[in-house]
Protein backbone atom coordinates (compact mmCIF):
# COMPACT_ATOMS: atom_id res chain seq x y z
CA MET A 1 -34.93 4.74 45.28
CA SER A 2 -34.17 1.69 43.16
CA LYS A 3 -37.11 -0.16 44.71
CA ASP A 4 -39.48 2.29 43.07
CA THR A 5 -38.09 1.75 39.59
CA GLN A 6 -40.45 0.06 37.16
CA SER A 7 -39.75 -1.03 33.61
CA PRO A 8 -42.08 -1.14 30.62
CA THR A 9 -43.76 -4.51 30.86
CA ARG A 10 -45.16 -6.78 28.20
CA SER A 11 -46.96 -9.74 29.69
CA GLN A 12 -46.00 -12.94 27.94
CA PRO A 13 -48.48 -15.63 26.93
CA GLY A 14 -48.55 -18.60 29.24
CA SER A 15 -47.63 -22.12 28.28
CA GLN A 16 -49.73 -23.95 25.73
CA THR A 17 -51.13 -26.27 28.37
CA GLY A 18 -52.02 -23.38 30.67
CA SER A 19 -53.74 -21.47 27.89
CA GLN A 20 -55.79 -24.47 26.82
CA THR A 21 -56.82 -25.31 30.36
CA GLY A 22 -57.69 -21.69 31.16
CA SER A 23 -59.77 -21.32 27.99
CA GLN A 24 -61.73 -24.48 28.64
CA THR A 25 -62.36 -23.65 32.26
CA GLY A 26 -63.19 -20.01 31.56
CA SER A 27 -65.71 -20.89 28.87
CA GLN A 28 -67.56 -23.13 31.30
CA THR A 29 -67.45 -21.34 34.62
CA GLY A 30 -65.96 -17.88 34.04
CA SER A 31 -62.97 -16.67 36.03
CA GLN A 32 -61.45 -18.80 38.74
CA THR A 33 -59.17 -17.89 41.59
CA GLY A 34 -55.64 -17.63 40.21
CA SER A 35 -56.70 -18.11 36.58
CA HIS A 36 -55.32 -15.83 33.89
CA ILE A 37 -58.47 -16.33 31.81
CA ILE A 38 -61.29 -14.09 33.01
CA ARG A 39 -64.63 -12.80 31.83
CA PRO A 40 -66.64 -9.72 32.86
CA TYR A 41 -68.52 -9.60 36.16
CA GLY A 42 -72.09 -8.28 36.26
CA ASP A 43 -74.50 -9.87 38.71
CA ALA A 44 -72.43 -12.97 39.52
CA THR A 45 -68.83 -14.04 39.11
CA GLY A 46 -68.06 -15.07 35.54
CA ASP A 47 -71.50 -14.26 34.11
CA GLY A 48 -69.97 -12.15 31.33
CA GLN A 49 -72.49 -9.32 31.74
CA ILE A 50 -71.40 -5.87 30.55
CA GLN A 51 -73.02 -2.49 29.95
CA VAL A 52 -72.32 -0.32 26.92
CA SER A 53 -73.64 3.03 25.73
CA PHE A 54 -73.83 4.50 22.26
CA THR A 55 -75.84 6.82 20.00
CA LEU A 56 -77.56 5.88 16.74
CA PRO A 57 -78.63 8.42 14.08
CA VAL A 58 -82.31 7.43 14.17
CA PRO A 59 -85.39 8.92 15.92
CA HIS A 60 -86.41 7.25 19.17
CA ASP A 61 -89.01 4.57 18.47
CA LYS A 62 -89.31 0.78 18.60
CA ARG A 63 -87.36 0.37 15.39
CA ALA A 64 -84.50 2.34 16.95
CA GLU A 65 -84.45 0.00 19.95
CA GLY A 66 -84.44 -2.96 17.58
CA ALA A 67 -81.46 -1.42 15.79
CA ALA A 68 -79.65 -1.05 19.12
CA LEU A 69 -80.22 -4.74 19.90
CA GLN A 70 -78.99 -5.71 16.43
CA LEU A 71 -75.79 -3.76 17.01
CA ALA A 72 -75.38 -5.34 20.45
CA ALA A 73 -75.64 -8.81 18.92
CA LYS A 74 -72.98 -7.94 16.35
CA LEU A 75 -70.76 -6.77 19.23
CA GLY A 76 -71.09 -10.21 20.79
CA LEU A 77 -73.67 -9.31 23.45
CA GLU A 78 -76.31 -12.03 23.50
CA PRO A 79 -78.81 -12.02 24.99
CA ALA A 80 -78.96 -8.25 25.34
CA MET A 81 -81.58 -5.75 26.43
CA VAL A 82 -82.02 -2.00 26.13
CA VAL A 83 -82.12 -0.66 29.68
CA HIS A 84 -82.21 3.01 28.73
CA ALA A 85 -83.09 4.95 25.58
CA LYS A 86 -83.43 8.71 25.26
CA SER A 87 -84.05 10.96 22.30
CA MET A 88 -81.14 13.28 21.47
CA GLY A 89 -83.04 15.74 19.30
CA PRO A 90 -85.30 14.68 16.45
CA ASP A 91 -82.81 12.46 14.63
CA PHE A 92 -80.68 10.71 17.26
CA THR A 93 -81.20 8.27 20.14
CA PHE A 94 -78.86 7.50 23.04
CA PHE A 95 -78.89 3.91 24.34
CA VAL A 96 -77.60 1.94 27.30
CA VAL A 97 -77.55 -1.79 26.58
CA TYR A 98 -76.90 -4.60 29.04
CA GLY A 99 -75.94 -8.07 27.86
CA ARG A 100 -73.73 -11.13 28.11
CA SER A 101 -70.39 -11.03 26.33
CA SER A 102 -69.08 -14.25 24.85
CA HIS A 103 -65.49 -13.02 24.89
CA LEU A 104 -62.78 -13.96 27.38
CA VAL A 105 -59.74 -11.99 28.52
CA ASP A 106 -56.28 -13.59 28.73
CA LEU A 107 -54.35 -11.61 31.33
CA ASN A 108 -51.07 -13.10 30.12
CA LYS A 109 -51.55 -11.35 26.78
CA VAL A 110 -52.27 -7.89 28.22
CA VAL A 111 -49.68 -5.29 27.14
CA VAL A 112 -49.25 -2.21 29.33
CA MET A 113 -46.74 0.58 29.80
CA GLU A 114 -45.48 0.97 33.33
CA ARG A 115 -43.41 3.73 34.86
CA GLU A 116 -39.78 3.15 33.90
CA PHE A 117 -38.30 5.64 36.35
CA PRO A 118 -38.30 6.11 40.15
CA LEU A 119 -40.89 8.45 41.63
CA LEU A 120 -38.91 11.17 43.41
CA SER A 121 -39.75 13.74 46.06
CA PRO A 122 -39.26 17.45 45.25
CA LYS A 123 -36.03 17.41 47.27
CA GLU A 124 -34.71 14.44 45.29
CA VAL A 125 -35.66 16.14 42.02
CA SER A 126 -33.77 19.27 43.04
CA ALA A 127 -30.74 17.28 44.13
CA THR A 128 -30.61 15.49 40.77
CA VAL A 129 -30.89 18.77 38.87
CA ARG A 130 -28.07 20.32 40.89
CA ARG A 131 -25.89 17.26 40.38
CA GLU A 132 -26.54 16.90 36.65
CA LEU A 133 -26.79 20.55 35.54
CA ARG A 134 -25.49 22.75 38.35
CA ARG A 135 -28.15 25.27 37.32
CA PRO A 136 -31.97 25.33 37.13
CA LEU A 137 -33.74 22.97 34.74
CA VAL A 138 -35.68 25.14 32.29
CA VAL A 139 -39.18 23.87 31.50
CA LEU A 140 -41.52 25.40 28.92
CA GLY A 141 -45.23 24.51 28.83
CA ALA A 142 -48.08 25.31 26.44
CA CYS A 143 -51.26 24.22 24.69
CA ILE A 144 -50.62 24.35 20.96
CA GLY A 145 -52.80 24.89 17.92
CA THR A 146 -56.34 26.05 18.61
CA ASP A 147 -56.50 24.23 21.93
CA ALA A 148 -57.64 26.69 24.61
CA HIS A 149 -57.98 24.13 27.43
CA THR A 150 -55.17 24.88 29.88
CA VAL A 151 -56.50 22.77 32.75
CA GLY A 152 -54.01 19.99 32.03
CA ILE A 153 -50.86 22.06 31.62
CA ASP A 154 -51.85 24.27 34.57
CA ALA A 155 -52.32 21.21 36.80
CA ILE A 156 -48.74 20.15 36.09
CA LEU A 157 -47.03 23.55 36.07
CA ASN A 158 -48.93 25.90 38.39
CA ILE A 159 -47.71 26.10 41.96
CA LYS A 160 -51.12 25.05 43.29
CA GLY A 161 -50.73 21.79 41.39
CA TRP A 162 -53.19 18.91 41.38
CA ALA A 163 -54.14 15.79 43.36
CA GLY A 164 -52.56 17.15 46.53
CA GLU A 165 -49.21 17.83 44.85
CA LYS A 166 -47.68 21.19 44.08
CA GLY A 167 -46.88 21.92 40.44
CA LEU A 168 -43.45 22.28 38.91
CA GLU A 169 -43.38 26.02 39.70
CA ALA A 170 -42.93 25.02 43.35
CA TYR A 171 -39.73 23.05 42.67
CA SER A 172 -36.75 25.13 43.76
CA ASP A 173 -34.40 24.03 40.96
CA LEU A 174 -36.89 24.22 38.10
CA GLU A 175 -37.35 27.38 36.04
CA VAL A 176 -40.88 27.16 34.62
CA HIS A 177 -42.45 29.22 31.83
CA ASN A 178 -46.13 28.61 31.11
CA LEU A 179 -47.05 30.06 27.72
CA GLY A 180 -50.75 29.28 28.11
CA ALA A 181 -53.22 28.43 25.36
CA GLN A 182 -53.35 28.49 21.55
CA VAL A 183 -49.62 28.80 21.04
CA SER A 184 -48.53 28.24 17.44
CA VAL A 185 -45.79 25.71 16.76
CA PRO A 186 -43.38 28.34 15.33
CA ASP A 187 -43.89 30.49 18.43
CA LEU A 188 -43.30 27.49 20.70
CA VAL A 189 -40.01 26.69 18.98
CA GLU A 190 -38.96 30.34 19.12
CA GLU A 191 -39.72 30.58 22.84
CA ALA A 192 -37.91 27.32 23.53
CA GLN A 193 -34.82 28.73 21.87
CA ARG A 194 -35.17 32.09 23.61
CA PHE A 195 -35.36 30.49 27.06
CA ASP A 196 -32.87 27.76 26.11
CA ALA A 197 -35.40 25.23 27.38
CA ASP A 198 -34.30 21.82 28.56
CA ALA A 199 -37.83 20.41 28.31
CA VAL A 200 -41.02 21.38 26.49
CA LEU A 201 -44.35 20.15 27.85
CA VAL A 202 -47.41 20.28 25.59
CA SER A 203 -50.98 19.55 26.64
CA GLN A 204 -53.67 18.60 24.11
CA VAL A 205 -57.30 18.25 25.19
CA VAL A 206 -59.02 18.97 21.88
CA THR A 207 -58.99 15.72 19.92
CA GLN A 208 -61.66 16.10 17.22
CA ARG A 209 -60.47 14.66 13.90
CA ASP A 210 -57.22 13.64 15.62
CA ALA A 211 -56.17 17.27 16.03
CA HIS A 212 -53.90 16.28 18.92
CA VAL A 213 -52.01 13.80 16.74
CA HIS A 214 -51.57 16.25 13.87
CA ASN A 215 -50.47 19.08 16.20
CA VAL A 216 -47.88 17.00 18.02
CA THR A 217 -46.50 15.51 14.80
CA GLU A 218 -46.09 19.03 13.40
CA MET A 219 -44.45 20.19 16.64
CA SER A 220 -41.89 17.39 16.81
CA ALA A 221 -40.96 17.90 13.15
CA ALA A 222 -40.46 21.62 13.77
CA PHE A 223 -38.10 20.96 16.70
CA ARG A 224 -36.09 18.45 14.67
CA GLU A 225 -35.70 21.03 11.94
CA ALA A 226 -34.80 23.89 14.30
CA TYR A 227 -32.19 22.07 16.42
CA PRO A 228 -29.02 20.18 15.50
CA ALA A 229 -29.33 16.42 15.91
CA GLY A 230 -29.33 15.32 19.53
CA THR A 231 -29.69 18.83 21.02
CA ALA A 232 -33.44 19.43 20.99
CA PRO A 233 -35.25 19.84 24.32
CA ILE A 234 -36.96 16.88 25.91
CA LEU A 235 -40.40 16.80 24.26
CA VAL A 236 -43.25 15.66 26.50
CA VAL A 237 -46.94 15.64 25.56
CA GLY A 238 -50.02 14.79 27.56
CA GLY A 239 -53.77 14.53 27.24
CA PRO A 240 -56.73 12.20 27.74
CA ARG A 241 -56.74 10.65 24.26
CA PHE A 242 -53.08 9.88 23.67
CA ASP A 243 -51.66 6.37 23.37
CA GLU A 244 -48.71 6.09 25.76
CA SER A 245 -46.92 3.69 23.43
CA ALA A 246 -47.01 6.11 20.45
CA ALA A 247 -44.12 8.37 21.53
CA ASP A 248 -41.76 7.19 18.78
CA LYS A 249 -44.50 7.45 16.16
CA LEU A 250 -45.26 11.05 17.15
CA GLY A 251 -41.59 11.99 17.45
CA VAL A 252 -41.62 12.87 21.15
CA ASP A 253 -39.73 11.55 24.15
CA ARG A 254 -42.65 10.74 26.44
CA ILE A 255 -46.44 10.70 26.50
CA PHE A 256 -48.45 11.10 29.70
CA VAL A 257 -52.16 10.32 29.93
CA LYS A 258 -54.99 11.24 32.28
CA GLY A 259 -54.25 10.97 35.99
CA THR A 260 -50.61 12.04 35.66
CA THR A 261 -49.32 14.06 38.62
CA PRO A 262 -46.68 16.82 38.77
CA ALA A 263 -44.31 14.50 40.66
CA GLU A 264 -44.42 11.96 37.84
CA VAL A 265 -43.53 14.58 35.25
CA ALA A 266 -40.74 16.07 37.36
CA SER A 267 -39.35 12.61 38.12
CA TYR A 268 -39.36 11.69 34.45
CA LEU A 269 -37.56 14.89 33.44
CA VAL A 270 -34.67 14.36 35.81
CA HIS A 271 -34.52 10.64 34.97
CA ARG A 272 -34.31 11.51 31.29
CA LEU A 273 -31.75 14.19 32.05
CA ALA A 274 -29.53 11.76 33.92
CA ASN A 275 -30.06 8.90 31.45
CA PRO A 276 -30.19 10.32 27.92
CA PRO A 277 -30.75 7.76 25.16
CA ARG A 278 -28.07 7.19 22.57
CA GLY A 279 -27.76 10.08 20.17
CA LYS A 280 -29.23 12.53 22.68
CA GLN A 281 -26.55 14.71 24.21
CA ARG A 282 -28.75 17.41 25.70
CA ALA A 283 -27.61 16.82 29.29
CA ALA A 284 -23.93 16.93 28.41
CA ALA A 285 -24.40 20.01 26.24
CA SER A 286 -26.34 21.72 29.02
CA ARG A 287 -23.56 21.12 31.52
CA LYS A 288 -21.16 22.95 29.20
CA LYS A 289 -23.51 25.94 29.20
CA ALA A 290 -23.82 26.05 33.00
CA THR A 291 -21.18 28.71 33.44
CA THR A 292 -22.66 30.91 30.71
CA ARG A 293 -26.20 30.53 32.05
CA GLY A 294 -25.05 31.30 35.59
CA ALA A 295 -23.46 34.54 34.47
CA ARG A 296 -26.78 35.93 33.16
C-alpha cells in the first residue's frame, strides 16, 4: 500500500549551469533526449509549431483574418497562418491558427499536484472505515446553486459509477445520500447535519462568471459558521474548471478535477479520515458517536 503513496510535488529548478546549457541548446535545436528544456512538436522535433483556436467579434472577411494573424503574432506565433476560419453569425468569426512559438518550456520549473494518498480497493476502503469508525462512513453529495448538471456527482456516487469503476453507493461501509441538482447552500448544511455527514461532496459544472468559485466559497463559509471549529464534515468539491491547488483559498479540504474516478474519491476520504490535519478532530469525534449511531 505504501508503494502507491504519492506526495504533492513541486519540481525544483535545475542548477544554474544546467539551465543555461539547456536554454542555449533548446533555442538552437529544440528538445534533446534527456533535456529539461523542450519546445512544442508539430511537423518535426523541436520545430515549435502549435495550433490555437479562438473567436474574434468581427464579421468573416480578409480584415478579420488579418486581425487573427495580428493576435497570433502578439501571442508569440511567428510566422503564423490561418488554417481555418468560419463565420459564427453575422458579427463573429472562429479561427484556427497554426504557427511557430518562440517560447521554451523548462520541465524543472513545472509545478503539479500529485495524489498524496494510496489508491485503495473497495475492500481496503471498507476495512479502513471499520477500523477508524466502526460504523458506516456517511457521505452526502449534491450540485449546489443553479447548477443542474449532475453527471459529475452521479459518476462518483451512483452504483453504476464511471470509467469501469462502481460508484460510492457500491461500497459496503459507505452510507451515501445523493441530493441531486440545484441544492441551496442552507439546505445542504441542514441535510449534512440531519444525516450527521462525515463528508460532503459538491460538483460544479456551471462556471460562467466564476459561479463555481462563488458557490463553493459561500458553501465553505456556511459550514464554518454552522459547525464548531474542527468538527465540520470533510468538504470535497469537483468540476472541470477548478484549480486543484486552490483548496485552502476556497475553504475546502480537497479539490478534484476532470478524470477523477470513484476509487480516488473513496481512497481520499478514508485517508483523510485516518490522517486528520491539526485542528480537525472529526474522526475522533465520530468514533465517540459510534455507539449512538449504531443504536439507531
